[in-house]
Amino acid sequence: MTQNYKQNVGKQLEKHFKGVSNHWRINILLLLNEESGLSLEQIAETLNANYKTISEHTKKLVHAGLINKKYINNTVSHSLSPYGKKFINFFKTF
């Protein structure tokens, strides 16, 4: 492996781990693992959380590459990305 490759892998992993470094974000991932395709409103309601709070955390999860957003008419559907699914498998080891 080249040094450059190792640095890129490390940066990518750091991005993913920063994405889950909050209990709300972990709960969002766990929820989306159980039920994919939820809107922000549905996530906030299910987690009994403020809409604005959930909105900020989903943005961070999208930026970290852990969830996907799909625009459907006037709503946004959220689902786990392949990396999000890997983190769910990682969580299950605890």
PDB file of N, CA and C in Angstrom:
ATOM      1  N   MET A   1       0.833  -1.199   0.000  1.00  0.00           N
ATOM      2  CA  MET A   1       0.000   0.000   0.000  1.00  0.00           C
ATOM      3  C   MET A   1       0.862   1.241   0.000  1.00  0.00           C
ATOM      4  N   THR A   2       0.455   2.196  -0.738  1.00  0.00           N
ATOM      5  CA  THR A   2       1.201   3.443  -0.734  1.00  0.00           C
ATOM      6  C   THR A   2       0.764   4.309   0.435  1.00  0.00           C
ATOM      7  N   GLN A   3       1.626   5.224   0.832  1.00  0.00           N
ATOM      8  CA  GLN A   3       1.322   6.135   1.943  1.00  0.00           C
ATOM      9  C   GLN A   3       0.088   6.970   1.633  1.00  0.00           C
ATOM     10  N   ASN A   4      -0.040   7.423   0.387  1.00  0.00           N
ATOM     11  CA  ASN A   4      -1.180   8.250  -0.021  1.00  0.00           C
ATOM     12  C   ASN A   4      -2.497   7.499   0.161  1.00  0.00           C
ATOM     13  N   TYR A   5      -2.517   6.225  -0.217  1.00  0.00           N
ATOM     14  CA  TYR A   5      -3.726   5.411  -0.068  1.00  0.00           C
ATOM     15  C   TYR A   5      -4.117   5.298   1.401  1.00  0.00           C
ATOM     16  N   LYS A   6      -3.129   5.037   2.253  1.00  0.00           N
ATOM     17  CA  LYS A   6      -3.398   4.909   3.688  1.00  0.00           C
ATOM     18  C   LYS A   6      -3.979   6.201   4.258  1.00  0.00           C
ATOM     19  N   GLN A   7      -3.460   7.333   3.828  1.00  0.00           N
ATOM     20  CA  GLN A   7      -3.969   8.620   4.298  1.00  0.00           C
ATOM     21  C   GLN A   7      -5.406   8.823   3.845  1.00  0.00           C
ATOM     22  N   ASN A   8      -5.718   8.459   2.612  1.00  0.00           N
ATOM     23  CA  ASN A   8      -7.082   8.624   2.101  1.00  0.00           C
ATOM     24  C   ASN A   8      -8.071   7.739   2.843  1.00  0.00           C
ATOM     25  N   VAL A   9      -7.674   6.513   3.118  1.00  0.00           N
ATOM     26  CA  VAL A   9      -8.542   5.598   3.866  1.00  0.00           C
ATOM     27  C   VAL A   9      -8.778   6.150   5.263  1.00  0.00           C
ATOM     28  N   GLY A  10      -7.716   6.631   5.890  1.00  0.00           N
ATOM     29  CA  GLY A  10      -7.848   7.206   7.226  1.00  0.00           C
ATOM     30  C   GLY A  10      -8.772   8.403   7.251  1.00  0.00           C
ATOM     31  N   LYS A  11      -8.673   9.266   6.268  1.00  0.00           N
ATOM     32  CA  LYS A  11      -9.536  10.446   6.201  1.00  0.00           C
ATOM     33  C   LYS A  11     -10.990  10.046   5.981  1.00  0.00           C
ATOM     34  N   GLN A  12     -11.204   9.057   5.131  1.00  0.00           N
ATOM     35  CA  GLN A  12     -12.565   8.599   4.880  1.00  0.00           C
ATOM     36  C   GLN A  12     -13.170   7.988   6.141  1.00  0.00           C
ATOM     37  N   LEU A  13     -12.410   7.170   6.842  1.00  0.00           N
ATOM     38  CA  LEU A  13     -12.911   6.575   8.086  1.00  0.00           C
ATOM     39  C   LEU A  13     -13.181   7.641   9.135  1.00  0.00           C
ATOM     40  N   GLU A  14     -12.323   8.639   9.226  1.00  0.00           N
ATOM     41  CA  GLU A  14     -12.542   9.736  10.166  1.00  0.00           C
ATOM     42  C   GLU A  14     -13.867  10.435   9.867  1.00  0.00           C
ATOM     43  N   LYS A  15     -14.136  10.663   8.596  1.00  0.00           N
ATOM     44  CA  LYS A  15     -15.388  11.304   8.180  1.00  0.00           C
ATOM     45  C   LYS A  15     -16.597  10.492   8.637  1.00  0.00           C
ATOM     46  N   HIS A  16     -16.538   9.180   8.451  1.00  0.00           N
ATOM     47  CA  HIS A  16     -17.645   8.311   8.864  1.00  0.00           C
ATOM     48  C   HIS A  16     -17.815   8.294  10.383  1.00  0.00           C
ATOM     49  N   PHE A  17     -16.707   8.176  11.102  1.00  0.00           N
ATOM     50  CA  PHE A  17     -16.800   8.129  12.562  1.00  0.00           C
ATOM     51  C   PHE A  17     -17.278   9.451  13.146  1.00  0.00           C
ATOM     52  N   LYS A  18     -16.873  10.560  12.565  1.00  0.00           N
ATOM     53  CA  LYS A  18     -17.391  11.853  13.026  1.00  0.00           C
ATOM     54  C   LYS A  18     -18.890  11.929  12.766  1.00  0.00           C
ATOM     55  N   GLY A  19     -19.330  11.296  11.700  1.00  0.00           N
ATOM     56  CA  GLY A  19     -20.752  11.297  11.369  1.00  0.00           C
ATOM     57  C   GLY A  19     -21.614  10.630  12.421  1.00  0.00           C
ATOM     58  N   VAL A  20     -21.075   9.651  13.117  1.00  0.00           N
ATOM     59  CA  VAL A  20     -21.867   8.941  14.126  1.00  0.00           C
ATOM     60  C   VAL A  20     -21.506   9.348  15.545  1.00  0.00           C
ATOM     61  N   SER A  21     -20.790  10.439  15.690  1.00  0.00           N
ATOM     62  CA  SER A  21     -20.313  10.822  17.021  1.00  0.00           C
ATOM     63  C   SER A  21     -21.337  11.620  17.825  1.00  0.00           C
ATOM     64  N   ASN A  22     -22.590  11.203  17.760  1.00  0.00           N
ATOM     65  CA  ASN A  22     -23.654  11.852  18.510  1.00  0.00           C
ATOM     66  C   ASN A  22     -24.787  10.843  18.705  1.00  0.00           C
ATOM     67  N   HIS A  23     -25.410  10.852  19.880  1.00  0.00           N
ATOM     68  CA  HIS A  23     -26.472   9.858  20.142  1.00  0.00           C
ATOM     69  C   HIS A  23     -27.671  10.025  19.213  1.00  0.00           C
ATOM     70  N   TRP A  24     -27.999  11.261  18.821  1.00  0.00           N
ATOM     71  CA  TRP A  24     -29.121  11.446  17.888  1.00  0.00           C
ATOM     72  C   TRP A  24     -28.808  10.781  16.550  1.00  0.00           C
ATOM     73  N   ARG A  25     -27.578  10.949  16.066  1.00  0.00           N
ATOM     74  CA  ARG A  25     -27.207  10.384  14.769  1.00  0.00           C
ATOM     75  C   ARG A  25     -27.198   8.866  14.822  1.00  0.00           C
ATOM     76  N   ILE A  26     -26.727   8.313  15.923  1.00  0.00           N
ATOM     77  CA  ILE A  26     -26.763   6.854  16.072  1.00  0.00           C
ATOM     78  C   ILE A  26     -28.204   6.368  16.074  1.00  0.00           C
ATOM     79  N   ASN A  27     -29.077   7.062  16.804  1.00  0.00           N
ATOM     80  CA  ASN A  27     -30.492   6.669  16.840  1.00  0.00           C
ATOM     81  C   ASN A  27     -31.153   6.799  15.471  1.00  0.00           C
ATOM     82  N   ILE A  28     -30.776   7.815  14.709  1.00  0.00           N
ATOM     83  CA  ILE A  28     -31.318   7.970  13.349  1.00  0.00           C
ATOM     84  C   ILE A  28     -30.894   6.788  12.485  1.00  0.00           C
ATOM     85  N   LEU A  29     -29.624   6.411  12.562  1.00  0.00           N
ATOM     86  CA  LEU A  29     -29.155   5.254  11.790  1.00  0.00           C
ATOM     87  C   LEU A  29     -29.894   3.984  12.189  1.00  0.00           C
ATOM     88  N   LEU A  30     -30.035   3.770  13.494  1.00  0.00           N
ATOM     89  CA  LEU A  30     -30.745   2.576  13.964  1.00  0.00           C
ATOM     90  C   LEU A  30     -32.195   2.565  13.489  1.00  0.00           C
ATOM     91  N   LEU A  31     -32.844   3.729  13.526  1.00  0.00           N
ATOM     92  CA  LEU A  31     -34.229   3.832  13.065  1.00  0.00           C
ATOM     93  C   LEU A  31     -34.330   3.544  11.568  1.00  0.00           C
ATOM     94  N   LEU A  32     -33.437   4.144  10.780  1.00  0.00           N
ATOM     95  CA  LEU A  32     -33.482   3.933   9.334  1.00  0.00           C
ATOM     96  C   LEU A  32     -33.129   2.494   8.958  1.00  0.00           C
ATOM     97  N   ASN A  33     -32.411   1.813   9.825  1.00  0.00           N
ATOM     98  CA  ASN A  33     -32.159   0.394   9.597  1.00  0.00           C
ATOM     99  C   ASN A  33     -33.444  -0.413   9.741  1.00  0.00           C
ATOM    100  N   GLU A  34     -34.303   0.002  10.665  1.00  0.00           N
ATOM    101  CA  GLU A  34     -35.577  -0.691  10.879  1.00  0.00           C
ATOM    102  C   GLU A  34     -36.617  -0.307   9.837  1.00  0.00           C
ATOM    103  N   GLU A  35     -36.613   0.963   9.444  1.00  0.00           N
ATOM    104  CA  GLU A  35     -37.619   1.446   8.501  1.00  0.00           C
ATOM    105  C   GLU A  35     -36.995   2.488   7.573  1.00  0.00           C
ATOM    106  N   SER A  36     -36.758   2.081   6.362  1.00  0.00           N
ATOM    107  CA  SER A  36     -36.142   2.955   5.370  1.00  0.00           C
ATOM    108  C   SER A  36     -37.195   3.857   4.726  1.00  0.00           C
ATOM    109  N   GLY A  37     -36.741   4.976   4.178  1.00  0.00           N
ATOM    110  CA  GLY A  37     -37.634   5.844   3.429  1.00  0.00           C
ATOM    111  C   GLY A  37     -38.409   6.838   4.269  1.00  0.00           C
ATOM    112  N   LEU A  38     -37.927   7.146   5.457  1.00  0.00           N
ATOM    113  CA  LEU A  38     -38.640   8.067   6.344  1.00  0.00           C
ATOM    114  C   LEU A  38     -38.321   9.524   6.015  1.00  0.00           C
ATOM    115  N   SER A  39     -39.297  10.383   6.215  1.00  0.00           N
ATOM    116  CA  SER A  39     -39.103  11.826   6.068  1.00  0.00           C
ATOM    117  C   SER A  39     -38.532  12.381   7.362  1.00  0.00           C
ATOM    118  N   LEU A  40     -38.088  13.632   7.318  1.00  0.00           N
ATOM    119  CA  LEU A  40     -37.603  14.284   8.548  1.00  0.00           C
ATOM    120  C   LEU A  40     -38.681  14.304   9.617  1.00  0.00           C
ATOM    121  N   GLU A  41     -39.900  14.607   9.204  1.00  0.00           N
ATOM    122  CA  GLU A  41     -41.014  14.663  10.156  1.00  0.00           C
ATOM    123  C   GLU A  41     -41.224  13.316  10.835  1.00  0.00           C
ATOM    124  N   GLN A  42     -41.158  12.251  10.057  1.00  0.00           N
ATOM    125  CA  GLN A  42     -41.353  10.914  10.614  1.00  0.00           C
ATOM    126  C   GLN A  42     -40.220  10.534  11.569  1.00  0.00           C
ATOM    127  N   ILE A  43     -38.991  10.894  11.189  1.00  0.00           N
ATOM    128  CA  ILE A  43     -37.848  10.602  12.062  1.00  0.00           C
ATOM    129  C   ILE A  43     -37.993  11.362  13.373  1.00  0.00           C
ATOM    130  N   ALA A  44     -38.291  12.659  13.284  1.00  0.00           N
ATOM    131  CA  ALA A  44     -38.432  13.489  14.489  1.00  0.00           C
ATOM    132  C   ALA A  44     -39.547  12.968  15.388  1.00  0.00           C
ATOM    133  N   GLU A  45     -40.670  12.614  14.782  1.00  0.00           N
ATOM    134  CA  GLU A  45     -41.812  12.120  15.565  1.00  0.00           C
ATOM    135  C   GLU A  45     -41.471  10.792  16.249  1.00  0.00           C
ATOM    136  N   THR A  46     -40.869   9.886  15.514  1.00  0.00           N
ATOM    137  CA  THR A  46     -40.539   8.576  16.071  1.00  0.00           C
ATOM    138  C   THR A  46     -39.530   8.686  17.210  1.00  0.00           C
ATOM    139  N   LEU A  47     -38.543   9.574  17.045  1.00  0.00           N
ATOM    140  CA  LEU A  47     -37.520   9.739  18.072  1.00  0.00           C
ATOM    141  C   LEU A  47     -37.917  10.750  19.148  1.00  0.00           C
ATOM    142  N   ASN A  48     -39.129  11.310  19.020  1.00  0.00           N
ATOM    143  CA  ASN A  48     -39.627  12.304  19.960  1.00  0.00           C
ATOM    144  C   ASN A  48     -38.616  13.455  20.116  1.00  0.00           C
ATOM    145  N   ALA A  49     -38.252  13.999  18.949  1.00  0.00           N
ATOM    146  CA  ALA A  49     -37.226  15.045  18.917  1.00  0.00           C
ATOM    147  C   ALA A  49     -37.718  16.244  18.117  1.00  0.00           C
ATOM    148  N   ASN A  50     -37.024  17.342  18.295  1.00  0.00           N
ATOM    149  CA  ASN A  50     -37.314  18.578  17.577  1.00  0.00           C
ATOM    150  C   ASN A  50     -36.942  18.408  16.105  1.00  0.00           C
ATOM    151  N   TYR A  51     -37.790  18.913  15.219  1.00  0.00           N
ATOM    152  CA  TYR A  51     -37.572  18.821  13.775  1.00  0.00           C
ATOM    153  C   TYR A  51     -36.232  19.445  13.386  1.00  0.00           C
ATOM    154  N   LYS A  52     -35.930  20.619  13.931  1.00  0.00           N
ATOM    155  CA  LYS A  52     -34.701  21.324  13.581  1.00  0.00           C
ATOM    156  C   LYS A  52     -33.473  20.519  14.013  1.00  0.00           C
ATOM    157  N   THR A  53     -33.540  19.901  15.175  1.00  0.00           N
ATOM    158  CA  THR A  53     -32.450  19.057  15.662  1.00  0.00           C
ATOM    159  C   THR A  53     -32.199  17.902  14.709  1.00  0.00           C
ATOM    160  N   ILE A  54     -33.256  17.225  14.332  1.00  0.00           N
ATOM    161  CA  ILE A  54     -33.137  16.074  13.433  1.00  0.00           C
ATOM    162  C   ILE A  54     -32.638  16.516  12.063  1.00  0.00           C
ATOM    163  N   SER A  55     -33.097  17.658  11.597  1.00  0.00           N
ATOM    164  CA  SER A  55     -32.640  18.181  10.315  1.00  0.00           C
ATOM    165  C   SER A  55     -31.128  18.387  10.308  1.00  0.00           C
ATOM    166  N   GLU A  56     -30.601  18.986  11.358  1.00  0.00           N
ATOM    167  CA  GLU A  56     -29.152  19.218  11.443  1.00  0.00           C
ATOM    168  C   GLU A  56     -28.373  17.902  11.481  1.00  0.00           C
ATOM    169  N   HIS A  57     -28.880  16.948  12.225  1.00  0.00           N
ATOM    170  CA  HIS A  57     -28.170  15.678  12.349  1.00  0.00           C
ATOM    171  C   HIS A  57     -28.250  14.854  11.066  1.00  0.00           C
ATOM    172  N   THR A  58     -29.364  14.906  10.368  1.00  0.00           N
ATOM    173  CA  THR A  58     -29.431  14.174   9.095  1.00  0.00           C
ATOM    174  C   THR A  58     -28.490  14.804   8.068  1.00  0.00           C
ATOM    175  N   LYS A  59     -28.353  16.130   8.089  1.00  0.00           N
ATOM    176  CA  LYS A  59     -27.398  16.787   7.184  1.00  0.00           C
ATOM    177  C   LYS A  59     -25.987  16.272   7.440  1.00  0.00           C
ATOM    178  N   LYS A  60     -25.626  16.122   8.703  1.00  0.00           N
ATOM    179  CA  LYS A  60     -24.291  15.637   9.045  1.00  0.00           C
ATOM    180  C   LYS A  60     -24.113  14.181   8.630  1.00  0.00           C
ATOM    181  N   LEU A  61     -25.160  13.391   8.760  1.00  0.00           N
ATOM    182  CA  LEU A  61     -25.084  11.998   8.330  1.00  0.00           C
ATOM    183  C   LEU A  61     -24.956  11.878   6.817  1.00  0.00           C
ATOM    184  N   VAL A  62     -25.660  12.734   6.095  1.00  0.00           N
ATOM    185  CA  VAL A  62     -25.534  12.750   4.631  1.00  0.00           C
ATOM    186  C   VAL A  62     -24.112  13.158   4.257  1.00  0.00           C
ATOM    187  N   HIS A  63     -23.608  14.211   4.887  1.00  0.00           N
ATOM    188  CA  HIS A  63     -22.248  14.685   4.608  1.00  0.00           C
ATOM    189  C   HIS A  63     -21.215  13.601   4.908  1.00  0.00           C
ATOM    190  N   ALA A  64     -21.446  12.812   5.931  1.00  0.00           N
ATOM    191  CA  ALA A  64     -20.535  11.731   6.303  1.00  0.00           C
ATOM    192  C   ALA A  64     -20.689  10.509   5.406  1.00  0.00           C
ATOM    193  N   GLY A  65     -21.673  10.525   4.522  1.00  0.00           N
ATOM    194  CA  GLY A  65     -21.880   9.412   3.606  1.00  0.00           C
ATOM    195  C   GLY A  65     -22.570   8.217   4.228  1.00  0.00           C
ATOM    196  N   LEU A  66     -23.302   8.442   5.337  1.00  0.00           N
ATOM    197  CA  LEU A  66     -23.933   7.332   6.047  1.00  0.00           C
ATOM    198  C   LEU A  66     -25.412   7.163   5.729  1.00  0.00           C
ATOM    199  N   ILE A  67     -26.055   8.212   5.251  1.00  0.00           N
ATOM    200  CA  ILE A  67     -27.441   8.082   4.793  1.00  0.00           C
ATOM    201  C   ILE A  67     -27.586   8.772   3.441  1.00  0.00           C
ATOM    202  N   ASN A  68     -28.608   8.346   2.721  1.00  0.00           N
ATOM    203  CA  ASN A  68     -28.945   8.925   1.417  1.00  0.00           C
ATOM    204  C   ASN A  68     -30.255   9.678   1.526  1.00  0.00           C
ATOM    205  N   LYS A  69     -30.365  10.715   0.713  1.00  0.00           N
ATOM    206  CA  LYS A  69     -31.619  11.469   0.610  1.00  0.00           C
ATOM    207  C   LYS A  69     -32.163  11.286  -0.801  1.00  0.00           C
ATOM    208  N   LYS A  70     -33.475  11.089  -0.886  1.00  0.00           N
ATOM    209  CA  LYS A  70     -34.137  10.973  -2.180  1.00  0.00           C
ATOM    210  C   LYS A  70     -35.322  11.923  -2.175  1.00  0.00           C
ATOM    211  N   TYR A  71     -35.352  12.817  -3.152  1.00  0.00           N
ATOM    212  CA  TYR A  71     -36.423  13.803  -3.239  1.00  0.00           C
ATOM    213  C   TYR A  71     -37.613  13.209  -3.992  1.00  0.00           C
ATOM    214  N   ILE A  72     -38.778  13.239  -3.317  1.00  0.00           N
ATOM    215  CA  ILE A  72     -40.018  12.733  -3.904  1.00  0.00           C
ATOM    216  C   ILE A  72     -41.073  13.815  -3.721  1.00  0.00           C
ATOM    217  N   ASN A  73     -41.416  14.476  -4.821  1.00  0.00           N
ATOM    218  CA  ASN A  73     -42.347  15.610  -4.787  1.00  0.00           C
ATOM    219  C   ASN A  73     -41.892  16.637  -3.756  1.00  0.00           C
ATOM    220  N   ASN A  74     -42.660  16.866  -2.717  1.00  0.00           N
ATOM    221  CA  ASN A  74     -42.329  17.879  -1.705  1.00  0.00           C
ATOM    222  C   ASN A  74     -41.688  17.310  -0.450  1.00  0.00           C
ATOM    223  N   THR A  75     -41.346  16.046  -0.471  1.00  0.00           N
ATOM    224  CA  THR A  75     -40.737  15.439   0.711  1.00  0.00           C
ATOM    225  C   THR A  75     -39.366  14.845   0.362  1.00  0.00           C
ATOM    226  N   VAL A  76     -38.622  14.556   1.393  1.00  0.00           N
ATOM    227  CA  VAL A  76     -37.313  13.929   1.242  1.00  0.00           C
ATOM    228  C   VAL A  76     -37.336  12.617   2.009  1.00  0.00           C
ATOM    229  N   SER A  77     -36.982  11.568   1.327  1.00  0.00           N
ATOM    230  CA  SER A  77     -36.938  10.232   1.909  1.00  0.00           C
ATOM    231  C   SER A  77     -35.501   9.920   2.307  1.00  0.00           C
ATOM    232  N   HIS A  78     -35.313   9.349   3.487  1.00  0.00           N
ATOM    233  CA  HIS A  78     -33.980   9.038   3.999  1.00  0.00           C
ATOM    234  C   HIS A  78     -33.796   7.527   4.115  1.00  0.00           C
ATOM    235  N   SER A  79     -32.617   7.065   3.745  1.00  0.00           N
ATOM    236  CA  SER A  79     -32.289   5.642   3.859  1.00  0.00           C
ATOM    237  C   SER A  79     -30.805   5.494   4.149  1.00  0.00           C
ATOM    238  N   LEU A  80     -30.428   4.327   4.620  1.00  0.00           N
ATOM    239  CA  LEU A  80     -29.024   4.057   4.902  1.00  0.00           C
ATOM    240  C   LEU A  80     -28.243   3.911   3.603  1.00  0.00           C
ATOM    241  N   SER A  81     -27.044   4.430   3.599  1.00  0.00           N
ATOM    242  CA  SER A  81     -26.125   4.201   2.487  1.00  0.00           C
ATOM    243  C   SER A  81     -25.420   2.866   2.743  1.00  0.00           C
ATOM    244  N   PRO A  82     -24.663   2.374   1.785  1.00  0.00           N
ATOM    245  CA  PRO A  82     -23.894   1.147   2.053  1.00  0.00           C
ATOM    246  C   PRO A  82     -22.974   1.292   3.267  1.00  0.00           C
ATOM    247  N   TYR A  83     -22.347   2.459   3.447  1.00  0.00           N
ATOM    248  CA  TYR A  83     -21.500   2.663   4.631  1.00  0.00           C
ATOM    249  C   TYR A  83     -22.348   2.730   5.900  1.00  0.00           C
ATOM    250  N   GLY A  84     -23.524   3.310   5.824  1.00  0.00           N
ATOM    251  CA  GLY A  84     -24.429   3.331   6.966  1.00  0.00           C
ATOM    252  C   GLY A  84     -24.780   1.922   7.408  1.00  0.00           C
ATOM    253  N   LYS A  85     -24.994   1.036   6.439  1.00  0.00           N
ATOM    254  CA  LYS A  85     -25.299  -0.366   6.750  1.00  0.00           C
ATOM    255  C   LYS A  85     -24.108  -1.048   7.416  1.00  0.00           C
ATOM    256  N   LYS A  86     -22.897  -0.691   6.988  1.00  0.00           N
ATOM    257  CA  LYS A  86     -21.703  -1.267   7.621  1.00  0.00           C
ATOM    258  C   LYS A  86     -21.593  -0.813   9.074  1.00  0.00           C
ATOM    259  N   PHE A  87     -21.966   0.441   9.335  1.00  0.00           N
ATOM    260  CA  PHE A  87     -21.933   0.918  10.713  1.00  0.00           C
ATOM    261  C   PHE A  87     -22.976   0.214  11.564  1.00  0.00           C
ATOM    262  N   ILE A  88     -24.133  -0.069  11.004  1.00  0.00           N
ATOM    263  CA  ILE A  88     -25.156  -0.837  11.742  1.00  0.00           C
ATOM    264  C   ILE A  88     -24.569  -2.203  12.127  1.00  0.00           C
ATOM    265  N   ASN A  89     -23.909  -2.854  11.187  1.00  0.00           N
ATOM    266  CA  ASN A  89     -23.286  -4.154  11.497  1.00  0.00           C
ATOM    267  C   ASN A  89     -22.231  -4.000  12.577  1.00  0.00           C
ATOM    268  N   PHE A  90     -21.490  -2.914  12.543  1.00  0.00           N
ATOM    269  CA  PHE A  90     -20.494  -2.634  13.577  1.00  0.00           C
ATOM    270  C   PHE A  90     -21.174  -2.446  14.931  1.00  0.00           C
ATOM    271  N   PHE A  91     -22.286  -1.697  14.959  1.00  0.00           N
ATOM    272  CA  PHE A  91     -23.025  -1.469  16.219  1.00  0.00           C
ATOM    273  C   PHE A  91     -23.490  -2.785  16.824  1.00  0.00           C
ATOM    274  N   LYS A  92     -23.858  -3.718  15.980  1.00  0.00           N
ATOM    275  CA  LYS A  92     -24.388  -4.996  16.462  1.00  0.00           C
ATOM    276  C   LYS A  92     -23.343  -5.840  17.182  1.00  0.00           C
ATOM    277  N   THR A  93     -22.080  -5.464  17.060  1.00  0.00           N
ATOM    278  CA  THR A  93     -21.033  -6.216  17.744  1.00  0.00           C
ATOM    279  C   THR A  93     -20.930  -5.855  19.216  1.00  0.00           C
ATOM    280  N   PHE A  94     -21.642  -4.815  19.635  1.00  0.00           N
ATOM    281  CA  PHE A  94     -21.600  -4.385  21.034  1.00  0.00           C
ATOM    282  C   PHE A  94     -22.737  -4.960  21.825  1.00  0.00           C
TER     283      PHE A  94
END
